[in-house]
């Protein structure tokens, strides 16, 4: 494990970063890559002997995701202590 991952910025070792915390982070990244994997990534076998850069990638439709969020959330407001907070989608 690289030192920069397991050591704090002040140069002292952070024992908590060993084991569970780091394993959880890497497993989260692994799951994200496996669930949203892009099978159109260029590999080492190039048909015709040349690089092919014309592969079309399709991005997620974030408007559909925000619509699903609006339709499925428990309420329009969340209560945190004394203050009410509203969710505002990013631009």
C-alpha atoms as a PDB file:
ATOM      1  CA  UNK A   1       0.000   0.000   0.000  1.00  0.00           C
ATOM      2  CA  UNK A   2       1.511   3.389  -0.952  1.00  0.00           C
ATOM      3  CA  UNK A   3       2.680   5.487   1.977  1.00  0.00           C
ATOM      4  CA  UNK A   4       0.615   8.501   0.842  1.00  0.00           C
ATOM      5  CA  UNK A   5      -2.574   6.461   1.350  1.00  0.00           C
ATOM      6  CA  UNK A   6      -1.788   5.195   4.846  1.00  0.00           C
ATOM      7  CA  UNK A   7      -0.031   8.268   6.257  1.00  0.00           C
ATOM      8  CA  UNK A   8      -1.600  11.595   7.233  1.00  0.00           C
ATOM      9  CA  UNK A   9      -0.438  14.851   5.652  1.00  0.00           C
ATOM     10  CA  UNK A  10       1.581  15.662   8.781  1.00  0.00           C
ATOM     11  CA  UNK A  11       3.723  12.586   8.064  1.00  0.00           C
ATOM     12  CA  UNK A  12       2.408  10.474  10.960  1.00  0.00           C
ATOM     13  CA  UNK A  13       1.088   6.989  10.373  1.00  0.00           C
ATOM     14  CA  UNK A  14      -2.690   6.609  10.693  1.00  0.00           C
ATOM     15  CA  UNK A  15      -3.424   3.095  12.001  1.00  0.00           C
ATOM     16  CA  UNK A  16      -7.151   3.472  11.165  1.00  0.00           C
ATOM     17  CA  UNK A  17      -6.324   3.699   7.468  1.00  0.00           C
ATOM     18  CA  UNK A  18      -5.109   0.097   7.462  1.00  0.00           C
ATOM     19  CA  UNK A  19      -7.577  -2.693   6.829  1.00  0.00           C
ATOM     20  CA  UNK A  20     -11.257  -1.891   6.833  1.00  0.00           C
ATOM     21  CA  UNK A  21     -11.180   1.774   5.811  1.00  0.00           C
ATOM     22  CA  UNK A  22      -8.921   1.334   2.791  1.00  0.00           C
ATOM     23  CA  UNK A  23     -10.507  -1.996   1.808  1.00  0.00           C
ATOM     24  CA  UNK A  24     -13.919  -0.311   1.834  1.00  0.00           C
ATOM     25  CA  UNK A  25     -12.713   2.510  -0.430  1.00  0.00           C
ATOM     26  CA  UNK A  26     -11.109   0.205  -2.977  1.00  0.00           C
ATOM     27  CA  UNK A  27     -14.123  -2.129  -2.942  1.00  0.00           C
ATOM     28  CA  UNK A  28     -16.416   0.849  -3.597  1.00  0.00           C
ATOM     29  CA  UNK A  29     -14.291   1.814  -6.617  1.00  0.00           C
ATOM     30  CA  UNK A  30     -14.291  -1.825  -7.808  1.00  0.00           C
ATOM     31  CA  UNK A  31     -18.088  -2.025  -7.588  1.00  0.00           C
ATOM     32  CA  UNK A  32     -18.501   1.264  -9.470  1.00  0.00           C
ATOM     33  CA  UNK A  33     -16.225   0.099 -12.273  1.00  0.00           C
ATOM     34  CA  UNK A  34     -17.947  -3.276 -12.543  1.00  0.00           C
ATOM     35  CA  UNK A  35     -21.499  -1.869 -12.494  1.00  0.00           C
ATOM     36  CA  UNK A  36     -20.841   0.965 -14.953  1.00  0.00           C
ATOM     37  CA  UNK A  37     -18.038  -0.680 -16.885  1.00  0.00           C
ATOM     38  CA  UNK A  38     -17.289   0.581 -20.368  1.00  0.00           C
ATOM     39  CA  UNK A  39     -16.627  -2.327 -22.712  1.00  0.00           C
ATOM     40  CA  UNK A  40     -15.638   0.040 -25.532  1.00  0.00           C
ATOM     41  CA  UNK A  41     -12.265   0.872 -23.977  1.00  0.00           C
ATOM     42  CA  UNK A  42      -9.366   0.389 -26.406  1.00  0.00           C
ATOM     43  CA  UNK A  43      -7.427  -2.799 -25.831  1.00  0.00           C
ATOM     44  CA  UNK A  44      -4.122  -4.103 -27.123  1.00  0.00           C
ATOM     45  CA  UNK A  45      -5.585  -5.952 -30.131  1.00  0.00           C
ATOM     46  CA  UNK A  46      -6.176  -3.490 -32.975  1.00  0.00           C
ATOM     47  CA  UNK A  47      -8.131  -4.808 -35.998  1.00  0.00           C
ATOM     48  CA  UNK A  48      -6.302  -4.005 -39.222  1.00  0.00           C
ATOM     49  CA  UNK A  49      -3.090  -3.237 -37.336  1.00  0.00           C
ATOM     50  CA  UNK A  50      -3.944   0.384 -36.472  1.00  0.00           C
ATOM     51  CA  UNK A  51      -5.420   2.266 -33.550  1.00  0.00           C
ATOM     52  CA  UNK A  52      -9.177   2.808 -33.736  1.00  0.00           C
ATOM     53  CA  UNK A  53     -10.304   6.024 -32.010  1.00  0.00           C
ATOM     54  CA  UNK A  54     -13.819   6.193 -33.452  1.00  0.00           C
ATOM     55  CA  UNK A  55     -15.450   4.279 -30.574  1.00  0.00           C
ATOM     56  CA  UNK A  56     -18.682   5.973 -29.464  1.00  0.00           C
ATOM     57  CA  UNK A  57     -19.228   6.299 -25.708  1.00  0.00           C
ATOM     58  CA  UNK A  58     -22.717   6.947 -24.318  1.00  0.00           C
ATOM     59  CA  UNK A  59     -23.000   8.980 -21.118  1.00  0.00           C
ATOM     60  CA  UNK A  60     -25.745   8.560 -18.553  1.00  0.00           C
ATOM     61  CA  UNK A  61     -28.807  10.777 -18.851  1.00  0.00           C
ATOM     62  CA  UNK A  62     -28.597  12.780 -15.622  1.00  0.00           C
ATOM     63  CA  UNK A  63     -32.020  14.364 -16.226  1.00  0.00           C
ATOM     64  CA  UNK A  64     -33.578  10.884 -15.950  1.00  0.00           C
ATOM     65  CA  UNK A  65     -31.628  10.228 -12.749  1.00  0.00           C
ATOM     66  CA  UNK A  66     -32.792  13.532 -11.211  1.00  0.00           C
ATOM     67  CA  UNK A  67     -36.389  12.773 -12.282  1.00  0.00           C
ATOM     68  CA  UNK A  68     -36.146   9.370 -10.555  1.00  0.00           C
ATOM     69  CA  UNK A  69     -34.767  11.068  -7.432  1.00  0.00           C
ATOM     70  CA  UNK A  70     -37.656  13.563  -7.389  1.00  0.00           C
ATOM     71  CA  UNK A  71     -40.242  10.783  -7.809  1.00  0.00           C
ATOM     72  CA  UNK A  72     -38.764   8.472  -5.158  1.00  0.00           C
ATOM     73  CA  UNK A  73     -37.540  10.626  -2.293  1.00  0.00           C
ATOM     74  CA  UNK A  74     -39.374  10.631   1.004  1.00  0.00           C
ATOM     75  CA  UNK A  75     -40.039  14.394   1.077  1.00  0.00           C
ATOM     76  CA  UNK A  76     -38.897  17.709  -0.379  1.00  0.00           C
ATOM     77  CA  UNK A  77     -37.260  18.766   2.887  1.00  0.00           C
ATOM     78  CA  UNK A  78     -34.862  17.141   5.309  1.00  0.00           C
ATOM     79  CA  UNK A  79     -34.668  18.161   8.944  1.00  0.00           C
ATOM     80  CA  UNK A  80     -31.200  18.542  10.462  1.00  0.00           C
ATOM     81  CA  UNK A  81     -31.345  19.930  13.975  1.00  0.00           C
ATOM     82  CA  UNK A  82     -32.868  23.405  14.029  1.00  0.00           C
ATOM     83  CA  UNK A  83     -32.569  24.040  10.308  1.00  0.00           C
ATOM     84  CA  UNK A  84     -34.574  22.782   7.315  1.00  0.00           C
ATOM     85  CA  UNK A  85     -32.533  22.060   4.187  1.00  0.00           C
ATOM     86  CA  UNK A  86     -33.815  21.641   0.632  1.00  0.00           C
ATOM     87  CA  UNK A  87     -32.152  19.588  -2.094  1.00  0.00           C
ATOM     88  CA  UNK A  88     -31.234  21.614  -5.172  1.00  0.00           C
ATOM     89  CA  UNK A  89     -29.940  19.780  -8.259  1.00  0.00           C
ATOM     90  CA  UNK A  90     -26.632  21.036  -9.678  1.00  0.00           C
ATOM     91  CA  UNK A  91     -26.651  23.137 -12.850  1.00  0.00           C
END
